[in-house]
PDB file of N, CA and C in Angstrom:
ATOM      1  N   MET A   1      49.848 128.976  84.204  1.00  0.00           N
ATOM      2  CA  MET A   1      51.545 129.307  84.096  1.00  0.00           C
ATOM      3  C   MET A   1      52.469 128.860  85.466  1.00  0.00           C
ATOM      4  N   LYS A   2      51.539 129.200  86.571  1.00  0.00           N
ATOM      5  CA  LYS A   2      52.065 128.821  87.721  1.00  0.00           C
ATOM      6  C   LYS A   2      52.108 127.776  88.424  1.00  0.00           C
ATOM      7  N   ARG A   3      51.091 126.585  87.693  1.00  0.00           N
ATOM      8  CA  ARG A   3      50.987 125.410  87.885  1.00  0.00           C
ATOM      9  C   ARG A   3      51.962 124.818  87.496  1.00  0.00           C
ATOM     10  N   LEU A   4      52.357 124.987  85.888  1.00  0.00           N
ATOM     11  CA  LEU A   4      53.432 124.458  84.965  1.00  0.00           C
ATOM     12  C   LEU A   4      54.809 124.625  85.627  1.00  0.00           C
ATOM     13  N   LYS A   5      54.754 125.793  86.582  1.00  0.00           N
ATOM     14  CA  LYS A   5      56.332 126.051  87.140  1.00  0.00           C
ATOM     15  C   LYS A   5      56.323 125.026  88.349  1.00  0.00           C
ATOM     16  N   ILE A   6      55.511 124.781  88.913  1.00  0.00           N
ATOM     17  CA  ILE A   6      55.418 124.102  90.210  1.00  0.00           C
ATOM     18  C   ILE A   6      55.773 122.490  89.815  1.00  0.00           C
ATOM     19  N   HIS A   7      55.049 122.151  88.624  1.00  0.00           N
ATOM     20  CA  HIS A   7      55.084 121.020  88.085  1.00  0.00           C
ATOM     21  C   HIS A   7      56.538 120.731  87.562  1.00  0.00           C
ATOM     22  N   MET A   8      57.109 121.640  87.098  1.00  0.00           N
ATOM     23  CA  MET A   8      58.316 121.400  86.183  1.00  0.00           C
ATOM     24  C   MET A   8      59.454 121.336  87.481  1.00  0.00           C
ATOM     25  N   ASN A   9      59.142 121.968  88.637  1.00  0.00           N
ATOM     26  CA  ASN A   9      60.083 122.014  89.736  1.00  0.00           C
ATOM     27  C   ASN A   9      59.978 120.797  90.316  1.00  0.00           C
ATOM     28  N   LYS A  10      58.872 120.049  90.464  1.00  0.00           N
ATOM     29  CA  LYS A  10      58.472 118.710  91.350  1.00  0.00           C
ATOM     30  C   LYS A  10      59.343 117.767  90.334  1.00  0.00           C
ATOM     31  N   LYS A  11      59.485 117.657  89.301  1.00  0.00           N
ATOM     32  CA  LYS A  11      59.944 116.636  88.167  1.00  0.00           C
ATOM     33  C   LYS A  11      61.687 116.895  87.973  1.00  0.00           C
ATOM     34  N   LEU A  12      61.903 118.101  87.840  1.00  0.00           N
ATOM     35  CA  LEU A  12      63.262 118.523  87.508  1.00  0.00           C
ATOM     36  C   LEU A  12      64.155 118.351  88.940  1.00  0.00           C
ATOM     37  N   ILE A  13      63.836 118.336  90.125  1.00  0.00           N
ATOM     38  CA  ILE A  13      64.725 118.282  91.105  1.00  0.00           C
ATOM     39  C   ILE A  13      64.883 116.732  91.608  1.00  0.00           C
ATOM     40  N   PRO A  14      63.713 115.987  91.473  1.00  0.00           N
ATOM     41  CA  PRO A  14      64.311 114.287  91.346  1.00  0.00           C
ATOM     42  C   PRO A  14      65.158 113.887  90.213  1.00  0.00           C
ATOM     43  N   LEU A  15      64.852 114.220  89.209  1.00  0.00           N
ATOM     44  CA  LEU A  15      65.711 114.157  88.023  1.00  0.00           C
ATOM     45  C   LEU A  15      67.571 114.697  88.114  1.00  0.00           C
ATOM     46  N   LEU A  16      67.547 115.845  88.809  1.00  0.00           N
ATOM     47  CA  LEU A  16      69.039 116.267  89.170  1.00  0.00           C
ATOM     48  C   LEU A  16      69.536 115.551  90.146  1.00  0.00           C
ATOM     49  N   VAL A  17      68.725 114.789  91.006  1.00  0.00           N
ATOM     50  CA  VAL A  17      69.311 114.260  92.411  1.00  0.00           C
ATOM     51  C   VAL A  17      69.671 112.983  91.864  1.00  0.00           C
ATOM     52  N   CYS A  18      68.794 112.231  90.790  1.00  0.00           N
ATOM     53  CA  CYS A  18      69.023 110.979  90.081  1.00  0.00           C
ATOM     54  C   CYS A  18      70.522 110.780  89.333  1.00  0.00           C
ATOM     55  N   PHE A  19      70.481 112.189  88.764  1.00  0.00           N
ATOM     56  CA  PHE A  19      71.799 112.178  87.836  1.00  0.00           C
ATOM     57  C   PHE A  19      73.071 112.883  88.554  1.00  0.00           C
ATOM     58  N   SER A  20      72.779 113.160  89.791  1.00  0.00           N
ATOM     59  CA  SER A  20      74.223 113.363  90.314  1.00  0.00           C
ATOM     60  C   SER A  20      74.474 111.990  91.022  1.00  0.00           C
ATOM     61  N   LEU A  21      73.960 111.448  91.485  1.00  0.00           N
ATOM     62  CA  LEU A  21      74.110 109.753  91.848  1.00  0.00           C
ATOM     63  C   LEU A  21      74.580 109.055  90.991  1.00  0.00           C
ATOM     64  N   ALA A  22      74.211 109.353  90.041  1.00  0.00           N
ATOM     65  CA  ALA A  22      74.597 108.625  89.102  1.00  0.00           C
ATOM     66  C   ALA A  22      76.163 108.845  88.642  1.00  0.00           C
ATOM     67  N   ILE A  23      76.447 110.023  88.357  1.00  0.00           N
ATOM     68  CA  ILE A  23      77.689 110.613  88.382  1.00  0.00           C
ATOM     69  C   ILE A  23      78.762 110.358  89.316  1.00  0.00           C
ATOM     70  N   VAL A  24      78.125 110.150  90.636  1.00  0.00           N
ATOM     71  CA  VAL A  24      79.251 110.013  91.621  1.00  0.00           C
ATOM     72  C   VAL A  24      79.604 108.496  91.555  1.00  0.00           C
ATOM     73  N   SER A  25      78.517 107.818  91.359  1.00  0.00           N
ATOM     74  CA  SER A  25      78.710 106.239  91.448  1.00  0.00           C
ATOM     75  C   SER A  25      79.926 105.776  90.412  1.00  0.00           C
ATOM     76  N   LEU A  26      79.396 106.269  88.987  1.00  0.00           N
ATOM     77  CA  LEU A  26      80.230 106.031  87.845  1.00  0.00           C
ATOM     78  C   LEU A  26      81.603 106.667  88.312  1.00  0.00           C
ATOM     79  N   THR A  27      81.804 107.489  88.986  1.00  0.00           N
ATOM     80  CA  THR A  27      83.512 108.177  89.327  1.00  0.00           C
ATOM     81  C   THR A  27      83.939 107.365  90.213  1.00  0.00           C
ATOM     82  N   ALA A  28      83.232 106.767  91.276  1.00  0.00           N
ATOM     83  CA  ALA A  28      83.436 106.002  92.248  1.00  0.00           C
ATOM     84  C   ALA A  28      83.917 104.456  91.782  1.00  0.00           C
ATOM     85  N   ALA A  29      83.325 103.940  90.888  1.00  0.00           N
ATOM     86  CA  ALA A  29      83.551 102.718  90.496  1.00  0.00           C
ATOM     87  C   ALA A  29      84.642 102.612  89.098  1.00  0.00           C
ATOM     88  N   SER A  30      84.751 103.809  88.934  1.00  0.00           N
ATOM     89  CA  SER A  30      86.192 104.076  87.773  1.00  0.00           C
ATOM     90  C   SER A  30      87.479 103.910  88.633  1.00  0.00           C
ATOM     91  N   GLN A  31      87.514 104.260  89.800  1.00  0.00           N
ATOM     92  CA  GLN A  31      88.521 104.392  90.569  1.00  0.00           C
ATOM     93  C   GLN A  31      88.916 103.080  91.135  1.00  0.00           C
ATOM     94  N   GLU A  32      90.559 102.430  91.006  1.00  0.00           N
ATOM     95  CA  GLU A  32      91.097 101.494  91.287  1.00  0.00           C
ATOM     96  C   GLU A  32      91.012 101.080  92.929  1.00  0.00           C
ATOM     97  N   THR A  33      90.472 100.166  93.108  1.00  0.00           N
ATOM     98  CA  THR A  33      90.337  99.606  94.656  1.00  0.00           C
ATOM     99  C   THR A  33      91.580  98.413  95.080  1.00  0.00           C
ATOM    100  N   THR A  34      92.322  98.896  95.944  1.00  0.00           N
ATOM    101  CA  THR A  34      92.944  97.690  96.567  1.00  0.00           C
ATOM    102  C   THR A  34      92.600  96.890  97.594  1.00  0.00           C
ATOM    103  N   ARG A  35      92.525  95.760  97.406  1.00  0.00           N
ATOM    104  CA  ARG A  35      91.924  94.955  98.791  1.00  0.00           C
ATOM    105  C   ARG A  35      93.256  94.795 100.002  1.00  0.00           C
ATOM    106  N   TYR A  36      93.099  94.784 100.895  1.00  0.00           N
ATOM    107  CA  TYR A  36      93.896  94.721 101.904  1.00  0.00           C
ATOM    108  C   TYR A  36      93.588  93.449 102.737  1.00  0.00           C
ATOM    109  N   PRO A  37      94.734  92.855 103.018  1.00  0.00           N
ATOM    110  CA  PRO A  37      95.844  93.028 103.153  1.00  0.00           C
ATOM    111  C   PRO A  37      96.550  92.221 101.749  1.00  0.00           C
ATOM    112  N   ILE A  38      97.478  93.027 101.515  1.00  0.00           N
ATOM    113  CA  ILE A  38      98.615  92.617 100.444  1.00  0.00           C
ATOM    114  C   ILE A  38      99.818  92.238 100.925  1.00  0.00           C
ATOM    115  N   GLU A  39     100.266  91.503 100.314  1.00  0.00           N
ATOM    116  CA  GLU A  39     101.746  91.150 100.388  1.00  0.00           C
ATOM    117  C   GLU A  39     102.821  92.008  99.614  1.00  0.00           C
ATOM    118  N   ILE A  40     103.893  92.511 100.304  1.00  0.00           N
ATOM    119  CA  ILE A  40     104.770  93.320  99.851  1.00  0.00           C
ATOM    120  C   ILE A  40     106.052  92.447  99.180  1.00  0.00           C
ATOM    121  N   ALA A  41     106.297  92.713  97.959  1.00  0.00           N
ATOM    122  CA  ALA A  41     107.199  91.891  97.536  1.00  0.00           C
ATOM    123  C   ALA A  41     108.530  92.293  97.741  1.00  0.00           C
ATOM    124  N   ASP A  42     108.786  93.314  97.575  1.00  0.00           N
ATOM    125  CA  ASP A  42     109.849  94.238  97.478  1.00  0.00           C
ATOM    126  C   ASP A  42     110.257  94.944  98.816  1.00  0.00           C
ATOM    127  N   PHE A  43     110.024  94.564  99.685  1.00  0.00           N
ATOM    128  CA  PHE A  43     110.288  95.085 101.177  1.00  0.00           C
ATOM    129  C   PHE A  43     111.454  95.258 101.785  1.00  0.00           C
ATOM    130  N   GLN A  44     112.605  94.272 101.415  1.00  0.00           N
ATOM    131  CA  GLN A  44     113.828  94.346 101.736  1.00  0.00           C
ATOM    132  C   GLN A  44     114.852  95.230 101.132  1.00  0.00           C
ATOM    133  N   GLN A  45     113.820  96.185  99.991  1.00  0.00           N
ATOM    134  CA  GLN A  45     114.862  97.404  99.446  1.00  0.00           C
ATOM    135  C   GLN A  45     115.118  98.461 100.855  1.00  0.00           C
ATOM    136  N   TRP A  46     114.105  98.449 101.757  1.00  0.00           N
ATOM    137  CA  TRP A  46     114.353  99.462 102.775  1.00  0.00           C
ATOM    138  C   TRP A  46     115.523  99.183 103.452  1.00  0.00           C
ATOM    139  N   GLU A  47     116.405  99.849 103.959  1.00  0.00           N
ATOM    140  CA  GLU A  47     117.392  99.791 105.196  1.00  0.00           C
ATOM    141  C   GLU A  47     116.734  99.529 106.581  1.00  0.00           C
ATOM    142  N   LYS A  48     116.022 100.027 106.507  1.00  0.00           N
ATOM    143  CA  LYS A  48     115.206 100.295 107.852  1.00  0.00           C
ATOM    144  C   LYS A  48     114.482  98.744 108.476  1.00  0.00           C
ATOM    145  N   PHE A  49     114.336  98.149 107.498  1.00  0.00           N
ATOM    146  CA  PHE A  49     113.752  96.650 107.538  1.00  0.00           C
ATOM    147  C   PHE A  49     114.382  95.819 106.938  1.00  0.00           C
ATOM    148  N   PRO A  50     115.635  95.159 107.460  1.00  0.00           N
ATOM    149  CA  PRO A  50     116.432  94.003 106.549  1.00  0.00           C
ATOM    150  C   PRO A  50     115.708  92.808 106.538  1.00  0.00           C
ATOM    151  N   ALA A  51     115.811  92.319 105.624  1.00  0.00           N
ATOM    152  CA  ALA A  51     114.948  90.989 104.803  1.00  0.00           C
ATOM    153  C   ALA A  51     115.962  89.929 106.416  1.00  0.00           C
ATOM    154  N   GLN A  52     116.773  89.882 106.845  1.00  0.00           N
ATOM    155  CA  GLN A  52     117.753  89.459 107.699  1.00  0.00           C
ATOM    156  C   GLN A  52     118.362  89.548 108.773  1.00  0.00           C
ATOM    157  N   CYS A  53     118.177  89.614 110.049  1.00  0.00           N
ATOM    158  CA  CYS A  53     118.839  89.964 111.415  1.00  0.00           C
ATOM    159  C   CYS A  53     119.287  88.929 112.229  1.00  0.00           C
ATOM    160  N   ALA A  54     120.393  88.816 112.385  1.00  0.00           N
ATOM    161  CA  ALA A  54     120.799  87.743 113.203  1.00  0.00           C
ATOM    162  C   ALA A  54     120.624  86.476 112.792  1.00  0.00           C
ATOM    163  N   ASP A  55     119.701  85.716 113.672  1.00  0.00           N
ATOM    164  CA  ASP A  55     118.967  84.726 113.179  1.00  0.00           C
ATOM    165  C   ASP A  55     117.779  84.561 112.439  1.00  0.00           C
ATOM    166  N   TYR A  56     117.104  85.685 112.460  1.00  0.00           N
ATOM    167  CA  TYR A  56     116.123  85.824 112.321  1.00  0.00           C
ATOM    168  C   TYR A  56     116.210  86.220 111.068  1.00  0.00           C
ATOM    169  N   ARG A  57     115.205  85.412 109.986  1.00  0.00           N
ATOM    170  CA  ARG A  57     114.910  85.671 108.488  1.00  0.00           C
ATOM    171  C   ARG A  57     113.234  86.069 108.432  1.00  0.00           C
ATOM    172  N   ARG A  58     113.041  87.066 107.727  1.00  0.00           N
ATOM    173  CA  ARG A  58     111.680  87.522 107.542  1.00  0.00           C
ATOM    174  C   ARG A  58     111.272  86.559 106.300  1.00  0.00           C
ATOM    175  N   SER A  59     109.762  86.209 106.579  1.00  0.00           N
ATOM    176  CA  SER A  59     109.298  85.641 105.531  1.00  0.00           C
ATOM    177  C   SER A  59     108.363  86.487 104.519  1.00  0.00           C
ATOM    178  N   THR A  60     107.214  86.976 105.447  1.00  0.00           N
ATOM    179  CA  THR A  60     106.438  87.707 104.259  1.00  0.00           C
ATOM    180  C   THR A  60     106.344  89.121 104.964  1.00  0.00           C
ATOM    181  N   VAL A  61     105.612  90.087 104.081  1.00  0.00           N
ATOM    182  CA  VAL A  61     105.589  91.313 104.806  1.00  0.00           C
ATOM    183  C   VAL A  61     104.139  91.670 104.341  1.00  0.00           C
ATOM    184  N   ARG A  62     103.248  92.174 105.058  1.00  0.00           N
ATOM    185  CA  ARG A  62     101.697  92.383 104.431  1.00  0.00           C
ATOM    186  C   ARG A  62     101.693  93.494 104.772  1.00  0.00           C
ATOM    187  N   ALA A  63     100.881  94.356 103.941  1.00  0.00           N
ATOM    188  CA  ALA A  63     100.085  95.902 104.499  1.00  0.00           C
ATOM    189  C   ALA A  63      98.729  95.676 105.034  1.00  0.00           C
ATOM    190  N   TYR A  64      98.307  96.100 105.776  1.00  0.00           N
ATOM    191  CA  TYR A  64      96.879  96.026 106.121  1.00  0.00           C
ATOM    192  C   TYR A  64      96.255  97.314 105.893  1.00  0.00           C
ATOM    193  N   ALA A  65      96.620  98.531 105.521  1.00  0.00           N
ATOM    194  CA  ALA A  65      96.235  99.729 105.189  1.00  0.00           C
ATOM    195  C   ALA A  65      96.951 100.464 104.097  1.00  0.00           C
ATOM    196  N   PRO A  66      96.324 101.389 103.521  1.00  0.00           N
ATOM    197  CA  PRO A  66      97.467 102.239 102.351  1.00  0.00           C
ATOM    198  C   PRO A  66      98.386 102.915 103.411  1.00  0.00           C
ATOM    199  N   ALA A  67      99.312 102.910 102.772  1.00  0.00           N
ATOM    200  CA  ALA A  67     100.775 103.775 103.446  1.00  0.00           C
ATOM    201  C   ALA A  67     100.522 105.186 103.489  1.00  0.00           C
ATOM    202  N   LEU A  68     101.125 105.524 104.615  1.00  0.00           N
ATOM    203  CA  LEU A  68     100.979 107.230 104.725  1.00  0.00           C
ATOM    204  C   LEU A  68     102.243 107.731 104.342  1.00  0.00           C
ATOM    205  N   ALA A  69     102.470 108.649 103.617  1.00  0.00           N
ATOM    206  CA  ALA A  69     103.777 109.025 103.187  1.00  0.00           C
ATOM    207  C   ALA A  69     104.395 110.030 104.305  1.00  0.00           C
ATOM    208  N   ASP A  70     105.719 109.505 104.400  1.00  0.00           N
ATOM    209  CA  ASP A  70     106.496 110.164 105.756  1.00  0.00           C
ATOM    210  C   ASP A  70     107.506 110.961 105.153  1.00  0.00           C
ATOM    211  N   TYR A  71     107.772 112.064 104.824  1.00  0.00           N
ATOM    212  CA  TYR A  71     108.430 113.146 104.151  1.00  0.00           C
ATOM    213  C   TYR A  71     109.633 113.452 105.005  1.00  0.00           C
ATOM    214  N   SER A  72     110.616 113.178 104.764  1.00  0.00           N
ATOM    215  CA  SER A  72     111.888 113.469 105.632  1.00  0.00           C
ATOM    216  C   SER A  72     112.772 114.724 104.914  1.00  0.00           C
ATOM    217  N   LYS A  73     112.766 115.915 105.935  1.00  0.00           N
ATOM    218  CA  LYS A  73     113.033 116.963 105.208  1.00  0.00           C
ATOM    219  C   LYS A  73     114.831 117.050 105.056  1.00  0.00           C
ATOM    220  N   ARG A  74     115.258 116.349 105.765  1.00  0.00           N
ATOM    221  CA  ARG A  74     116.737 115.975 105.970  1.00  0.00           C
ATOM    222  C   ARG A  74     117.231 115.482 104.746  1.00  0.00           C
ATOM    223  N   GLN A  75     116.741 114.403 104.542  1.00  0.00           N
ATOM    224  CA  GLN A  75     116.845 113.510 103.274  1.00  0.00           C
ATOM    225  C   GLN A  75     116.478 113.623 102.057  1.00  0.00           C
ATOM    226  N   GLY A  76     115.261 114.349 102.305  1.00  0.00           N
ATOM    227  CA  GLY A  76     114.324 114.624 100.952  1.00  0.00           C
ATOM    228  C   GLY A  76     114.290 113.266 100.139  1.00  0.00           C
ATOM    229  N   VAL A  77     113.754 112.496 101.121  1.00  0.00           N
ATOM    230  CA  VAL A  77     112.827 111.061 100.399  1.00  0.00           C
ATOM    231  C   VAL A  77     111.633 110.792 101.329  1.00  0.00           C
ATOM    232  N   GLN A  78     111.089 110.181 100.159  1.00  0.00           N
ATOM    233  CA  GLN A  78     109.781 109.717 100.943  1.00  0.00           C
ATOM    234  C   GLN A  78     109.733 108.201 101.016  1.00  0.00           C
ATOM    235  N   ARG A  79     109.024 107.695 102.369  1.00  0.00           N
ATOM    236  CA  ARG A  79     109.038 106.517 102.603  1.00  0.00           C
ATOM    237  C   ARG A  79     107.745 105.900 102.866  1.00  0.00           C
ATOM    238  N   ASN A  80     107.404 104.888 102.247  1.00  0.00           N
ATOM    239  CA  ASN A  80     105.971 104.428 102.920  1.00  0.00           C
ATOM    240  C   ASN A  80     105.859 103.126 103.473  1.00  0.00           C
ATOM    241  N   ALA A  81     106.401 103.355 105.081  1.00  0.00           N
ATOM    242  CA  ALA A  81     106.348 102.216 105.705  1.00  0.00           C
ATOM    243  C   ALA A  81     105.613 102.220 106.831  1.00  0.00           C
ATOM    244  N   ASP A  82     104.282 102.845 106.754  1.00  0.00           N
ATOM    245  CA  ASP A  82     103.412 102.814 107.882  1.00  0.00           C
ATOM    246  C   ASP A  82     102.362 101.652 107.663  1.00  0.00           C
ATOM    247  N   HIS A  83     101.784 101.224 108.370  1.00  0.00           N
ATOM    248  CA  HIS A  83     100.614 100.642 108.741  1.00  0.00           C
ATOM    249  C   HIS A  83     101.499  98.851 108.090  1.00  0.00           C
ATOM    250  N   VAL A  84     102.539  98.526 108.282  1.00  0.00           N
ATOM    251  CA  VAL A  84     102.941  97.399 107.933  1.00  0.00           C
ATOM    252  C   VAL A  84     103.432  96.183 108.780  1.00  0.00           C
ATOM    253  N   ARG A  85     103.028  95.065 108.872  1.00  0.00           N
ATOM    254  CA  ARG A  85     103.047  94.208 109.722  1.00  0.00           C
ATOM    255  C   ARG A  85     104.513  93.090 109.340  1.00  0.00           C
ATOM    256  N   ILE A  86     105.121  92.779 109.821  1.00  0.00           N
ATOM    257  CA  ILE A  86     106.411  92.143 109.521  1.00  0.00           C
ATOM    258  C   ILE A  86     105.635  90.773 109.948  1.00  0.00           C
ATOM    259  N   TYR A  87     106.263  89.502 109.167  1.00  0.00           N
ATOM    260  CA  TYR A  87     106.105  88.051 109.821  1.00  0.00           C
ATOM    261  C   TYR A  87     107.280  87.492 109.828  1.00  0.00           C
TER     262      TYR A  87
END
């Protein structure tokens, strides 16, 4: 009887590990991934970064990392302008 328990434990642990890894890989595969850099099309909507300033006109805006949320308590709005490079 004791041998049977040891044998079951030896088979059960690797099986649980494999099952756990399969679940983790399935959940990771189901999440949408964004490839960076990406071009931001509607960037001129933010007053902080106008499309044209003096003689300079911006051509493209690319994000190189996911935006970090900047919550403003005074204005009560969320702005996502971090990690953006303007060309």
